[in-house]
Amino acid sequence: METITFPDLISVKAIEPYILWVEYSDGTSGKVDLSHLAGRGVFEYWNQIDNFNKVRIGKETGALEWNDEIDICPDSVYLDLKQKTFEDYAQDK
């Protein structure tokens, strides 16, 4: 079975409450709305918007990170931007 790889997340910036601008190594970029997560479980950390603005790219994982407890897979964000399921993306490869 072939390994499916995704482009690297190369840039992230909080631009509005719970909205990020992301850019990937293949040129894909756009807004990501994470408001559906805000205030839930570990995401209560974002209740202080300054905490949401601390987003960064994890040095070891390449994930979207805020602290040691909160990270989001960059591949799932990429698929959301492309409006594709994993199966659709894999089929295109």
Protein backbone atom coordinates (compact mmCIF):
# COMPACT_ATOMS: atom_id res chain seq x y z
CA MET A 1 0.00 0.00 0.00
CA GLU A 2 1.31 3.43 -0.96
CA THR A 3 2.09 5.95 1.76
CA ILE A 4 0.08 9.15 1.41
CA THR A 5 1.97 12.32 2.26
CA PHE A 6 0.71 15.83 2.71
CA PRO A 7 2.42 19.17 2.08
CA ASP A 8 4.13 20.76 5.08
CA LEU A 9 2.46 23.53 7.03
CA ILE A 10 4.82 26.47 6.58
CA SER A 11 2.94 29.43 8.05
CA VAL A 12 0.15 30.09 10.54
CA LYS A 13 -1.27 33.27 12.00
CA ALA A 14 -4.34 34.06 14.10
CA ILE A 15 -6.28 36.70 12.16
CA GLU A 16 -9.60 36.86 14.05
CA PRO A 17 -11.02 35.21 17.15
CA TYR A 18 -10.84 31.47 16.44
CA ILE A 19 -9.81 31.97 12.81
CA LEU A 20 -6.35 31.16 11.46
CA TRP A 21 -4.63 31.88 8.17
CA VAL A 22 -2.53 28.89 7.14
CA GLU A 23 -0.16 28.22 4.26
CA TYR A 24 1.26 24.93 3.02
CA SER A 25 4.38 24.09 1.02
CA ASP A 26 2.36 23.38 -2.15
CA GLY A 27 0.92 26.92 -2.15
CA THR A 28 -2.43 25.99 -0.63
CA SER A 29 -3.52 28.69 1.81
CA GLY A 30 -6.64 30.05 3.38
CA LYS A 31 -8.74 30.72 6.46
CA VAL A 32 -9.53 28.01 8.97
CA ASP A 33 -12.44 28.57 11.36
CA LEU A 34 -11.94 26.73 14.65
CA SER A 35 -14.82 28.38 16.50
CA HIS A 36 -16.62 25.02 16.76
CA LEU A 37 -13.86 23.91 19.18
CA ALA A 38 -13.69 27.05 21.30
CA GLY A 39 -14.63 26.61 24.95
CA ARG A 40 -14.78 22.80 24.77
CA GLY A 41 -12.50 20.71 26.98
CA VAL A 42 -8.85 21.72 26.57
CA PHE A 43 -9.97 24.43 24.15
CA GLU A 44 -11.25 26.47 27.10
CA TYR A 45 -7.68 27.79 26.98
CA TRP A 46 -8.84 29.90 24.03
CA ASN A 47 -11.48 31.65 26.15
CA GLN A 48 -8.78 34.26 26.66
CA ILE A 49 -8.28 35.31 23.05
CA ASP A 50 -4.63 36.18 23.70
CA ASN A 51 -4.09 32.45 24.23
CA PHE A 52 -5.61 31.63 20.84
CA ASN A 53 -3.25 34.14 19.25
CA LYS A 54 -0.25 32.14 20.57
CA VAL A 55 -0.63 29.56 17.80
CA ARG A 56 2.61 28.19 16.36
CA ILE A 57 3.88 25.32 14.23
CA GLY A 58 5.30 22.53 16.36
CA LYS A 59 9.02 22.08 15.68
CA GLU A 60 8.94 18.30 16.04
CA THR A 61 5.44 17.49 14.79
CA GLY A 62 4.59 20.23 12.31
CA ALA A 63 1.18 20.45 14.02
CA LEU A 64 -0.71 23.59 14.92
CA GLU A 65 0.13 24.08 18.60
CA TRP A 66 -0.84 26.40 21.41
CA ASN A 67 0.71 24.71 24.42
CA ASP A 68 1.72 21.22 25.55
CA GLU A 69 -1.93 20.12 25.69
CA ILE A 70 -3.41 21.59 22.52
CA ASP A 71 -2.45 20.65 18.99
CA ILE A 72 -4.32 20.05 15.76
CA CYS A 73 -3.19 17.80 12.93
CA PRO A 74 -2.08 19.90 9.96
CA ASP A 75 -3.23 17.19 7.52
CA SER A 76 -6.85 17.48 8.66
CA VAL A 77 -6.69 21.26 8.29
CA TYR A 78 -5.24 20.79 4.79
CA LEU A 79 -8.10 18.47 3.82
CA ASP A 80 -10.61 21.00 5.15
CA LEU A 81 -9.05 23.74 3.02
CA LYS A 82 -9.17 21.50 -0.05
CA GLN A 83 -12.71 20.40 0.87
CA LYS A 84 -11.71 16.77 0.42
CA THR A 85 -11.93 13.61 2.43
CA PHE A 86 -8.81 11.55 2.99
CA GLU A 87 -10.12 8.99 0.49
CA ASP A 88 -10.62 11.67 -2.19
CA TYR A 89 -7.13 13.05 -1.57
CA ALA A 90 -5.54 9.57 -1.69
CA GLN A 91 -7.33 8.77 -4.93
CA ASP A 92 -5.90 11.93 -6.55
CA LYS A 93 -2.33 10.85 -5.70
